[in-house]
Amino acid sequence: MDGAGDAYGILQVDPSAEQVVIQAAYRVLARRFHPDGDQPDLHRMAELNRAYSILRDPESRRRFDTKRTMLHTQPIPVIPAGGPVDAWTPRRTPTEPALLDFGRYIGWLVSDLARHDPDYLRWLSRHSSGLRFRAAIARALPREPDLTRRANSVA
């Protein structure tokens, strides 16, 4: 995060802390780690300065909070109606319908995904991870001549 790590952690304040609390924390820690302070530490003082420069300005703090939230947010997987697929779920044989076992559509059948997100299937047919699904994608999207050609060239 701009080389400052977690600015709140460096200043030892809660992310919901008011501006006066952030300023007070900075001053106490700066007094301690300043080269003329009780425990001089140039590296720690530089960290404090970077963290405080981010959090003292409301606009800069808002941008930092947005980035921080985005980094700590986990993607929400899309789980099909049949339930999630895990390592214990038996793999389907090539004669059975193609079941995606990776990515955001894990557990989805290619035929179901053709109705839900055909653009993803078009992308998958061009991607190396979709190589084993190209024939199923070509069957699921029959009006796509490029997909049919690509699937036949691989088979």
N, C-alpha and C. Protein backbone atom coordinates (compact mmCIF):
# COMPACT_ATOMS: atom_id res chain seq x y z
N MET A 1 0.83 -1.19 0.00
CA MET A 1 0.00 0.00 0.00
C MET A 1 0.87 1.24 0.00
N ASP A 2 1.42 1.55 -1.14
CA ASP A 2 2.28 2.71 -1.30
C ASP A 2 3.53 2.62 -0.42
N GLY A 3 4.01 1.41 -0.14
CA GLY A 3 5.20 1.23 0.65
C GLY A 3 5.01 1.52 2.13
N ALA A 4 3.81 1.80 2.58
CA ALA A 4 3.59 2.17 3.97
C ALA A 4 3.09 1.01 4.81
N GLY A 5 2.91 -0.17 4.19
CA GLY A 5 2.34 -1.27 4.95
C GLY A 5 0.94 -0.90 5.40
N ASP A 6 0.59 -1.29 6.60
CA ASP A 6 -0.70 -0.89 7.15
C ASP A 6 -0.48 0.34 8.01
N ALA A 7 -0.85 1.48 7.50
CA ALA A 7 -0.61 2.75 8.20
C ALA A 7 -1.24 2.77 9.58
N TYR A 8 -2.39 2.15 9.72
CA TYR A 8 -3.05 2.12 11.03
C TYR A 8 -2.23 1.29 12.02
N GLY A 9 -1.70 0.16 11.56
CA GLY A 9 -0.89 -0.68 12.42
C GLY A 9 0.41 0.00 12.83
N ILE A 10 1.00 0.72 11.91
CA ILE A 10 2.25 1.43 12.21
C ILE A 10 2.03 2.48 13.27
N LEU A 11 0.91 3.19 13.18
CA LEU A 11 0.59 4.23 14.17
C LEU A 11 -0.13 3.66 15.39
N GLN A 12 -0.42 2.36 15.36
CA GLN A 12 -1.06 1.67 16.47
C GLN A 12 -2.42 2.27 16.84
N VAL A 13 -3.21 2.55 15.81
CA VAL A 13 -4.56 3.08 16.02
C VAL A 13 -5.57 2.22 15.29
N ASP A 14 -6.80 2.28 15.71
CA ASP A 14 -7.89 1.57 15.08
C ASP A 14 -8.25 2.30 13.78
N PRO A 15 -8.63 1.57 12.72
CA PRO A 15 -9.03 2.23 11.47
C PRO A 15 -10.19 3.20 11.61
N SER A 16 -11.00 3.07 12.66
CA SER A 16 -12.11 4.00 12.85
C SER A 16 -11.72 5.19 13.73
N ALA A 17 -10.45 5.30 14.07
CA ALA A 17 -9.99 6.38 14.97
C ALA A 17 -10.22 7.75 14.35
N GLU A 18 -10.55 8.70 15.21
CA GLU A 18 -10.73 10.07 14.75
C GLU A 18 -9.37 10.70 14.45
N GLN A 19 -9.42 11.81 13.74
CA GLN A 19 -8.19 12.47 13.31
C GLN A 19 -7.32 12.90 14.49
N VAL A 20 -7.92 13.37 15.58
CA VAL A 20 -7.13 13.82 16.73
C VAL A 20 -6.40 12.64 17.39
N VAL A 21 -7.00 11.46 17.35
CA VAL A 21 -6.36 10.28 17.92
C VAL A 21 -5.15 9.88 17.07
N ILE A 22 -5.30 9.94 15.75
CA ILE A 22 -4.18 9.62 14.85
C ILE A 22 -3.04 10.60 15.07
N GLN A 23 -3.37 11.87 15.18
CA GLN A 23 -2.34 12.89 15.41
C GLN A 23 -1.65 12.68 16.76
N ALA A 24 -2.39 12.37 17.80
CA ALA A 24 -1.80 12.14 19.12
C ALA A 24 -0.89 10.90 19.10
N ALA A 25 -1.34 9.84 18.44
CA ALA A 25 -0.53 8.62 18.35
C ALA A 25 0.77 8.90 17.62
N TYR A 26 0.69 9.65 16.52
CA TYR A 26 1.90 9.99 15.77
C TYR A 26 2.87 10.77 16.64
N ARG A 27 2.37 11.75 17.36
CA ARG A 27 3.24 12.59 18.18
C ARG A 27 3.91 11.79 19.30
N VAL A 28 3.18 10.91 19.94
CA VAL A 28 3.76 10.10 21.02
C VAL A 28 4.84 9.18 20.47
N LEU A 29 4.54 8.51 19.36
CA LEU A 29 5.51 7.58 18.78
C LEU A 29 6.71 8.33 18.18
N ALA A 30 6.46 9.49 17.59
CA ALA A 30 7.56 10.27 17.03
C ALA A 30 8.49 10.76 18.15
N ARG A 31 7.93 11.14 19.25
CA ARG A 31 8.74 11.58 20.38
C ARG A 31 9.64 10.43 20.86
N ARG A 32 9.13 9.24 20.77
CA ARG A 32 9.88 8.06 21.23
C ARG A 32 10.97 7.64 20.25
N PHE A 33 10.66 7.61 18.93
CA PHE A 33 11.58 7.06 17.94
C PHE A 33 12.38 8.10 17.17
N HIS A 34 12.16 9.36 17.41
CA HIS A 34 12.92 10.42 16.75
C HIS A 34 14.40 10.26 17.09
N PRO A 35 15.31 10.68 16.19
CA PRO A 35 16.74 10.56 16.49
C PRO A 35 17.16 11.22 17.82
N ASP A 36 16.42 12.22 18.28
CA ASP A 36 16.71 12.86 19.56
C ASP A 36 15.83 12.31 20.68
N GLY A 37 15.04 11.26 20.40
CA GLY A 37 14.08 10.74 21.37
C GLY A 37 14.66 9.71 22.31
N ASP A 38 13.76 9.04 23.05
CA ASP A 38 14.14 8.04 24.04
C ASP A 38 14.80 6.81 23.42
N GLN A 39 14.20 6.31 22.34
CA GLN A 39 14.71 5.13 21.64
C GLN A 39 14.89 5.45 20.17
N PRO A 40 15.97 6.12 19.80
CA PRO A 40 16.15 6.55 18.40
C PRO A 40 16.12 5.35 17.44
N ASP A 41 15.29 5.47 16.41
CA ASP A 41 15.18 4.41 15.39
C ASP A 41 14.78 5.09 14.07
N LEU A 42 15.77 5.28 13.20
CA LEU A 42 15.53 6.01 11.95
C LEU A 42 14.53 5.27 11.05
N HIS A 43 14.65 3.96 10.98
CA HIS A 43 13.74 3.19 10.14
C HIS A 43 12.29 3.32 10.64
N ARG A 44 12.10 3.16 11.92
CA ARG A 44 10.77 3.27 12.51
C ARG A 44 10.20 4.68 12.34
N MET A 45 11.07 5.68 12.48
CA MET A 45 10.62 7.07 12.31
C MET A 45 10.18 7.32 10.87
N ALA A 46 10.91 6.74 9.92
CA ALA A 46 10.52 6.89 8.51
C ALA A 46 9.16 6.23 8.25
N GLU A 47 8.94 5.05 8.85
CA GLU A 47 7.63 4.39 8.73
C GLU A 47 6.52 5.25 9.30
N LEU A 48 6.77 5.82 10.47
CA LEU A 48 5.77 6.69 11.11
C LEU A 48 5.43 7.88 10.22
N ASN A 49 6.46 8.49 9.65
CA ASN A 49 6.23 9.66 8.78
C ASN A 49 5.41 9.29 7.56
N ARG A 50 5.73 8.14 6.93
CA ARG A 50 4.96 7.71 5.75
C ARG A 50 3.51 7.43 6.13
N ALA A 51 3.32 6.71 7.23
CA ALA A 51 1.95 6.36 7.65
C ALA A 51 1.15 7.62 7.99
N TYR A 52 1.77 8.54 8.71
CA TYR A 52 1.05 9.75 9.09
C TYR A 52 0.76 10.63 7.88
N SER A 53 1.67 10.64 6.90
CA SER A 53 1.41 11.46 5.70
C SER A 53 0.20 10.93 4.93
N ILE A 54 -0.07 9.64 5.05
CA ILE A 54 -1.25 9.06 4.40
C ILE A 54 -2.52 9.37 5.19
N LEU A 55 -2.44 9.23 6.50
CA LEU A 55 -3.66 9.32 7.32
C LEU A 55 -4.02 10.73 7.77
N ARG A 56 -3.11 11.69 7.67
CA ARG A 56 -3.44 13.03 8.18
C ARG A 56 -4.33 13.81 7.23
N ASP A 57 -4.27 13.50 5.94
CA ASP A 57 -5.09 14.19 4.95
C ASP A 57 -6.36 13.36 4.71
N PRO A 58 -7.54 13.95 4.88
CA PRO A 58 -8.79 13.18 4.73
C PRO A 58 -8.94 12.50 3.37
N GLU A 59 -8.56 13.17 2.30
CA GLU A 59 -8.69 12.58 0.96
C GLU A 59 -7.71 11.42 0.78
N SER A 60 -6.48 11.61 1.23
CA SER A 60 -5.48 10.55 1.15
C SER A 60 -5.91 9.35 2.01
N ARG A 61 -6.46 9.62 3.16
CA ARG A 61 -6.93 8.55 4.05
C ARG A 61 -8.08 7.79 3.41
N ARG A 62 -8.99 8.50 2.75
CA ARG A 62 -10.12 7.85 2.08
C ARG A 62 -9.62 6.91 0.98
N ARG A 63 -8.64 7.37 0.18
CA ARG A 63 -8.08 6.52 -0.88
C ARG A 63 -7.39 5.29 -0.28
N PHE A 64 -6.64 5.52 0.80
CA PHE A 64 -5.96 4.41 1.48
C PHE A 64 -6.97 3.40 2.01
N ASP A 65 -8.03 3.87 2.62
CA ASP A 65 -9.07 2.97 3.16
C ASP A 65 -9.72 2.16 2.05
N THR A 66 -9.94 2.79 0.90
CA THR A 66 -10.53 2.08 -0.23
C THR A 66 -9.61 0.96 -0.70
N LYS A 67 -8.33 1.27 -0.87
CA LYS A 67 -7.36 0.24 -1.28
C LYS A 67 -7.27 -0.86 -0.24
N ARG A 68 -7.25 -0.48 1.01
CA ARG A 68 -7.12 -1.43 2.11
C ARG A 68 -8.32 -2.38 2.14
N THR A 69 -9.49 -1.85 1.92
CA THR A 69 -10.71 -2.66 1.90
C THR A 69 -10.69 -3.63 0.72
N MET A 70 -10.25 -3.15 -0.44
CA MET A 70 -10.21 -4.00 -1.62
C MET A 70 -9.20 -5.13 -1.46
N LEU A 71 -8.08 -4.87 -0.80
CA LEU A 71 -7.07 -5.91 -0.61
C LEU A 71 -7.52 -6.96 0.39
N HIS A 72 -8.35 -6.59 1.35
CA HIS A 72 -8.78 -7.52 2.38
C HIS A 72 -10.12 -8.18 2.07
N THR A 73 -10.71 -7.87 0.94
CA THR A 73 -11.99 -8.45 0.57
C THR A 73 -11.74 -9.71 -0.25
N GLN A 74 -12.35 -10.79 0.14
CA GLN A 74 -12.21 -12.05 -0.58
C GLN A 74 -13.27 -12.10 -1.68
N PRO A 75 -12.90 -12.65 -2.86
CA PRO A 75 -13.91 -12.79 -3.91
C PRO A 75 -14.99 -13.77 -3.48
N ILE A 76 -16.20 -13.50 -3.92
CA ILE A 76 -17.32 -14.37 -3.58
C ILE A 76 -17.48 -15.38 -4.70
N PRO A 77 -17.29 -16.65 -4.43
CA PRO A 77 -17.42 -17.65 -5.49
C PRO A 77 -18.88 -17.83 -5.90
N VAL A 78 -19.06 -18.13 -7.16
CA VAL A 78 -20.39 -18.40 -7.67
C VAL A 78 -20.60 -19.91 -7.59
N ILE A 79 -21.56 -20.34 -6.79
CA ILE A 79 -21.80 -21.77 -6.59
C ILE A 79 -23.07 -22.16 -7.33
N PRO A 80 -22.98 -23.19 -8.15
CA PRO A 80 -24.15 -23.61 -8.93
C PRO A 80 -25.23 -24.20 -8.04
N ALA A 81 -26.40 -24.38 -8.62
CA ALA A 81 -27.55 -24.89 -7.88
C ALA A 81 -27.30 -26.29 -7.32
N GLY A 82 -26.49 -27.07 -7.99
CA GLY A 82 -26.21 -28.43 -7.55
C GLY A 82 -25.27 -28.49 -6.36
N GLY A 83 -24.75 -27.38 -5.90
CA GLY A 83 -23.83 -27.35 -4.77
C GLY A 83 -22.39 -27.24 -5.22
N PRO A 84 -21.50 -26.97 -4.29
CA PRO A 84 -20.09 -26.79 -4.65
C PRO A 84 -19.41 -28.11 -4.97
N VAL A 85 -18.32 -28.01 -5.69
CA VAL A 85 -17.50 -29.16 -6.03
C VAL A 85 -16.21 -29.03 -5.25
N ASP A 86 -15.80 -30.10 -4.60
CA ASP A 86 -14.56 -30.05 -3.84
C ASP A 86 -13.66 -31.22 -4.25
N ALA A 87 -12.56 -31.40 -3.54
CA ALA A 87 -11.61 -32.45 -3.87
C ALA A 87 -12.22 -33.84 -3.74
N TRP A 88 -13.29 -33.98 -2.95
CA TRP A 88 -13.90 -35.28 -2.72
C TRP A 88 -14.96 -35.61 -3.76
N THR A 89 -15.33 -34.65 -4.57
CA THR A 89 -16.33 -34.89 -5.60
C THR A 89 -15.69 -35.68 -6.73
N PRO A 90 -16.28 -36.80 -7.11
CA PRO A 90 -15.66 -37.59 -8.18
C PRO A 90 -15.64 -36.82 -9.50
N ARG A 91 -14.57 -36.97 -10.23
CA ARG A 91 -14.44 -36.32 -11.55
C ARG A 91 -15.31 -37.06 -12.56
N ARG A 92 -15.86 -36.32 -13.48
CA ARG A 92 -16.69 -36.94 -14.51
C ARG A 92 -15.80 -37.50 -15.61
N THR A 93 -16.29 -38.51 -16.23
CA THR A 93 -15.55 -39.09 -17.35
C THR A 93 -15.82 -38.25 -18.59
N PRO A 94 -14.98 -38.38 -19.64
CA PRO A 94 -15.17 -37.57 -20.84
C PRO A 94 -16.52 -37.75 -21.51
N THR A 95 -17.22 -38.87 -21.29
CA THR A 95 -18.52 -39.07 -21.93
C THR A 95 -19.63 -38.32 -21.21
N GLU A 96 -19.40 -37.91 -19.96
CA GLU A 96 -20.40 -37.15 -19.21
C GLU A 96 -20.26 -35.66 -19.54
N PRO A 97 -21.27 -34.88 -19.20
CA PRO A 97 -21.20 -33.44 -19.47
C PRO A 97 -19.98 -32.79 -18.80
N ALA A 98 -19.43 -31.76 -19.46
CA ALA A 98 -18.24 -31.07 -18.96
C ALA A 98 -18.58 -30.24 -17.72
N LEU A 99 -17.85 -30.48 -16.66
CA LEU A 99 -18.05 -29.80 -15.38
C LEU A 99 -16.79 -29.00 -15.08
N LEU A 100 -16.94 -27.69 -14.90
CA LEU A 100 -15.77 -26.86 -14.60
C LEU A 100 -15.28 -27.15 -13.19
N ASP A 101 -13.97 -27.34 -13.05
CA ASP A 101 -13.40 -27.66 -11.75
C ASP A 101 -12.40 -26.60 -11.28
N PHE A 102 -12.57 -25.37 -11.76
CA PHE A 102 -11.70 -24.27 -11.38
C PHE A 102 -12.43 -22.96 -11.62
N GLY A 103 -11.86 -21.89 -11.09
CA GLY A 103 -12.36 -20.55 -11.38
C GLY A 103 -13.64 -20.18 -10.68
N ARG A 104 -14.21 -19.07 -11.10
CA ARG A 104 -15.38 -18.53 -10.42
C ARG A 104 -16.64 -19.35 -10.66
N TYR A 105 -16.63 -20.19 -11.70
CA TYR A 105 -17.80 -21.02 -12.00
C TYR A 105 -17.53 -22.49 -11.67
N ILE A 106 -16.78 -22.74 -10.64
CA ILE A 106 -16.46 -24.11 -10.25
C ILE A 106 -17.75 -24.87 -9.95
N GLY A 107 -17.85 -26.08 -10.52
CA GLY A 107 -19.04 -26.90 -10.31
C GLY A 107 -20.13 -26.70 -11.35
N TRP A 108 -19.99 -25.74 -12.23
CA TRP A 108 -21.00 -25.49 -13.24
C TRP A 108 -20.78 -26.41 -14.44
N LEU A 109 -21.87 -26.83 -15.04
CA LEU A 109 -21.80 -27.55 -16.31
C LEU A 109 -21.63 -26.52 -17.42
N VAL A 110 -20.89 -26.89 -18.45
CA VAL A 110 -20.68 -25.98 -19.57
C VAL A 110 -22.02 -25.62 -20.20
N SER A 111 -22.92 -26.58 -20.30
CA SER A 111 -24.23 -26.32 -20.92
C SER A 111 -25.03 -25.29 -20.11
N ASP A 112 -24.95 -25.35 -18.77
CA ASP A 112 -25.64 -24.37 -17.94
C ASP A 112 -24.98 -22.99 -18.05
N LEU A 113 -23.69 -23.00 -18.13
CA LEU A 113 -22.95 -21.74 -18.22
C LEU A 113 -23.19 -21.05 -19.56
N ALA A 114 -23.49 -21.81 -20.60
CA ALA A 114 -23.78 -21.22 -21.91
C ALA A 114 -25.01 -20.32 -21.84
N ARG A 115 -25.96 -20.67 -21.00
CA ARG A 115 -27.15 -19.82 -20.83
C ARG A 115 -26.88 -18.65 -19.89
N HIS A 116 -26.01 -18.87 -18.90
CA HIS A 116 -25.76 -17.86 -17.87
C HIS A 116 -24.72 -16.82 -18.29
N ASP A 117 -23.60 -17.26 -18.84
CA ASP A 117 -22.50 -16.35 -19.18
C ASP A 117 -21.74 -16.86 -20.41
N PRO A 118 -22.33 -16.72 -21.61
CA PRO A 118 -21.68 -17.23 -22.81
C PRO A 118 -20.36 -16.51 -23.12
N ASP A 119 -20.23 -15.26 -22.70
CA ASP A 119 -18.97 -14.54 -22.93
C ASP A 119 -17.81 -15.21 -22.20
N TYR A 120 -18.06 -15.71 -21.01
CA TYR A 120 -17.02 -16.42 -20.27
C TYR A 120 -16.60 -17.68 -21.03
N LEU A 121 -17.55 -18.39 -21.60
CA LEU A 121 -17.21 -19.59 -22.38
C LEU A 121 -16.41 -19.23 -23.62
N ARG A 122 -16.75 -18.12 -24.27
CA ARG A 122 -15.97 -17.70 -25.44
C ARG A 122 -14.53 -17.42 -25.03
N TRP A 123 -14.38 -16.72 -23.89
CA TRP A 123 -13.04 -16.44 -23.38
C TRP A 123 -12.32 -17.75 -23.04
N LEU A 124 -13.01 -18.66 -22.36
CA LEU A 124 -12.42 -19.92 -21.94
C LEU A 124 -11.96 -20.75 -23.14
N SER A 125 -12.70 -20.68 -24.23
CA SER A 125 -12.32 -21.46 -25.42
C SER A 125 -11.02 -20.95 -26.03
N ARG A 126 -10.67 -19.69 -25.77
CA ARG A 126 -9.41 -19.13 -26.28
C ARG A 126 -8.26 -19.31 -25.31
N HIS A 127 -8.57 -19.59 -24.06
CA HIS A 127 -7.56 -19.67 -23.00
C HIS A 127 -7.00 -21.09 -22.89
N SER A 128 -5.74 -21.21 -22.50
CA SER A 128 -5.12 -22.53 -22.39
C SER A 128 -5.80 -23.42 -21.34
N SER A 129 -6.35 -22.84 -20.30
CA SER A 129 -7.01 -23.65 -19.28
C SER A 129 -8.34 -24.23 -19.78
N GLY A 130 -8.84 -23.71 -20.88
CA GLY A 130 -10.09 -24.21 -21.43
C GLY A 130 -9.91 -25.23 -22.53
N LEU A 131 -8.67 -25.63 -22.78
CA LEU A 131 -8.37 -26.57 -23.85
C LEU A 131 -9.21 -27.84 -23.76
N ARG A 132 -9.32 -28.41 -22.57
CA ARG A 132 -10.06 -29.67 -22.42
C ARG A 132 -11.56 -29.49 -22.51
N PHE A 133 -12.05 -28.24 -22.50
CA PHE A 133 -13.48 -27.97 -22.57
C PHE A 133 -13.92 -27.47 -23.93
N ARG A 134 -13.01 -27.34 -24.88
CA ARG A 134 -13.35 -26.71 -26.16
C ARG A 134 -14.45 -27.45 -26.91
N ALA A 135 -14.40 -28.76 -26.92
CA ALA A 135 -15.45 -29.51 -27.64
C ALA A 135 -16.81 -29.29 -26.97
N ALA A 136 -16.85 -29.31 -25.65
CA ALA A 136 -18.11 -29.09 -24.93
C ALA A 136 -18.61 -27.67 -25.13
N ILE A 137 -17.69 -26.71 -25.17
CA ILE A 137 -18.10 -25.32 -25.40
C ILE A 137 -18.65 -25.17 -26.81
N ALA A 138 -18.01 -25.82 -27.78
CA ALA A 138 -18.50 -25.75 -29.16
C ALA A 138 -19.90 -26.36 -29.27
N ARG A 139 -20.18 -27.43 -28.51
CA ARG A 139 -21.52 -28.02 -28.51
C ARG A 139 -22.52 -27.11 -27.81
N ALA A 140 -22.08 -26.44 -26.76
CA ALA A 140 -22.98 -25.57 -25.99
C ALA A 140 -23.29 -24.26 -26.73
N LEU A 141 -22.36 -23.81 -27.55
CA LEU A 141 -22.55 -22.58 -28.34
C LEU A 141 -22.46 -22.93 -29.82
N PRO A 142 -23.48 -23.59 -30.38
CA PRO A 142 -23.38 -24.11 -31.76
C PRO A 142 -23.32 -23.02 -32.83
N ARG A 143 -23.77 -21.84 -32.54
CA ARG A 143 -23.79 -20.77 -33.54
C ARG A 143 -22.48 -20.01 -33.61
N GLU A 144 -21.45 -20.51 -32.98
CA GLU A 144 -20.14 -19.87 -32.96
C GLU A 144 -19.21 -20.66 -33.88
N PRO A 145 -19.07 -20.26 -35.15
CA PRO A 145 -18.26 -21.05 -36.09
C PRO A 145 -16.79 -21.13 -35.68
N ASP A 146 -16.26 -20.08 -35.10
CA ASP A 146 -14.86 -20.07 -34.71
C ASP A 146 -14.59 -21.10 -33.61
N LEU A 147 -15.54 -21.29 -32.71
CA LEU A 147 -15.39 -22.26 -31.63
C LEU A 147 -15.39 -23.68 -32.18
N THR A 148 -16.27 -23.95 -33.15
CA THR A 148 -16.35 -25.27 -33.74
C THR A 148 -15.05 -25.61 -34.44
N ARG A 149 -14.51 -24.66 -35.18
CA ARG A 149 -13.25 -24.87 -35.89
C ARG A 149 -12.14 -25.15 -34.90
N ARG A 150 -12.08 -24.38 -33.84
CA ARG A 150 -11.04 -24.53 -32.83
C ARG A 150 -11.15 -25.88 -32.12
N ALA A 151 -12.38 -26.31 -31.81
CA ALA A 151 -12.58 -27.58 -31.12
C ALA A 151 -12.19 -28.75 -32.03
N ASN A 152 -12.51 -28.67 -33.32
CA ASN A 152 -12.16 -29.75 -34.25
C ASN A 152 -10.67 -29.84 -34.47
N SER A 153 -9.97 -28.73 -34.42
CA SER A 153 -8.53 -28.76 -34.63
C SER A 153 -7.80 -29.38 -33.45
N VAL A 154 -8.40 -29.31 -32.27
CA VAL A 154 -7.78 -29.87 -31.07
C VAL A 154 -8.06 -31.35 -30.96
N ALA A 155 -9.27 -31.77 -31.35
CA ALA A 155 -9.70 -33.17 -31.17
C ALA A 155 -8.92 -34.14 -32.01
